[in-house]
Protein backbone atom coordinates (compact mmCIF):
# COMPACT_ATOMS: atom_id res chain seq x y z
CA UNK A 1 -23.15 -25.16 10.01
CA UNK A 2 -23.54 -22.21 12.34
CA UNK A 3 -25.75 -19.21 11.52
CA UNK A 4 -25.00 -15.94 13.30
CA UNK A 5 -26.90 -12.64 13.06
CA UNK A 6 -24.23 -9.94 12.66
CA UNK A 7 -26.60 -7.00 12.25
CA UNK A 8 -30.30 -6.36 12.88
CA UNK A 9 -32.17 -3.34 11.49
CA UNK A 10 -35.77 -2.39 12.29
CA UNK A 11 -37.83 -2.07 9.12
CA UNK A 12 -41.43 -0.93 8.48
CA UNK A 13 -44.44 -3.26 8.50
CA UNK A 14 -43.33 -5.60 11.32
CA UNK A 15 -40.11 -6.59 9.57
CA UNK A 16 -36.47 -6.92 10.56
CA UNK A 17 -33.54 -6.84 8.16
CA UNK A 18 -30.60 -8.99 9.22
CA UNK A 19 -27.09 -9.70 8.00
CA UNK A 20 -26.35 -13.39 8.54
CA UNK A 21 -23.02 -15.22 8.54
CA UNK A 22 -23.28 -18.95 7.86
CA UNK A 23 -20.08 -20.86 8.56
CA UNK A 24 -18.87 -24.41 8.89
CA UNK A 25 -16.34 -26.98 7.75
CA UNK A 26 -16.55 -29.65 5.08
CA UNK A 27 -17.19 -32.98 6.73
CA UNK A 28 -14.51 -34.84 4.78
CA UNK A 29 -12.27 -32.05 3.47
CA UNK A 30 -12.22 -29.89 6.60
CA UNK A 31 -12.36 -26.83 4.34
CA UNK A 32 -13.81 -23.79 6.11
CA UNK A 33 -16.71 -22.10 4.36
CA UNK A 34 -18.31 -18.79 5.21
CA UNK A 35 -21.30 -17.21 3.49
CA UNK A 36 -22.86 -13.81 4.17
CA UNK A 37 -26.40 -12.99 3.12
CA UNK A 38 -29.31 -10.79 4.12
CA UNK A 39 -32.75 -11.81 5.35
CA UNK A 40 -35.94 -9.91 5.87
CA UNK A 41 -38.04 -11.47 8.60
CA UNK A 42 -41.76 -10.62 8.71
CA UNK A 43 -43.23 -11.01 12.19
CA UNK A 44 -46.99 -11.19 12.83
CA UNK A 45 -48.64 -11.89 16.18
CA UNK A 46 -45.21 -12.58 17.70
CA UNK A 47 -44.40 -15.33 15.18
CA UNK A 48 -42.15 -15.51 12.16
CA UNK A 49 -44.38 -15.52 9.11
CA UNK A 50 -42.02 -14.99 6.19
CA UNK A 51 -38.31 -15.03 5.33
CA UNK A 52 -36.85 -13.36 2.25
CA UNK A 53 -33.21 -13.92 1.26
CA UNK A 54 -30.90 -11.48 -0.53
CA UNK A 55 -27.27 -11.63 -1.60
CA UNK A 56 -26.73 -7.88 -1.81
CA UNK A 57 -27.33 -5.23 0.87
CA UNK A 58 -28.82 -2.71 -1.58
CA UNK A 59 -31.44 -5.22 -2.75
CA UNK A 60 -32.37 -6.12 0.83
CA UNK A 61 -32.61 -2.45 1.89
CA UNK A 62 -34.85 -1.67 -1.07
CA UNK A 63 -37.13 -4.65 -0.39
CA UNK A 64 -37.38 -3.65 3.29
CA UNK A 65 -38.35 -0.08 2.38
CA UNK A 66 -35.10 1.34 3.79
CA UNK A 67 -33.15 2.17 0.64
CA UNK A 68 -33.79 5.92 0.81
CA UNK A 69 -32.72 6.35 4.46
CA UNK A 70 -29.21 7.68 5.06
CA UNK A 71 -28.90 6.49 8.66
CA UNK A 72 -30.56 3.27 9.72
CA UNK A 73 -31.58 2.30 13.27
CA UNK A 74 -29.47 -0.69 14.28
CA UNK A 75 -30.06 -3.22 16.99
CA UNK A 76 -27.33 -5.43 18.38
CA UNK A 77 -28.09 -9.14 17.97
CA UNK A 78 -28.68 -11.11 21.12
CA UNK A 79 -27.85 -14.69 21.94
CA UNK A 80 -31.56 -15.53 21.43
CA UNK A 81 -31.30 -14.85 17.68
């Protein structure tokens, strides 16, 4: 399985909202799978302290305190993510 951050959005309270693509192939079947989901990462003292997972963008935006914003600040993911 390979996880790739497709989108990173700065959120209040030391958090980052990310869109993640998880992909891979079945070991025996060879069937390709691809799953998209959202995470909110809480960072304290330079360390990851909490992960929250969401299936829907609207739910993740609301939980991150960004649901009411029309335009969101976006950050391009880096290879370090």
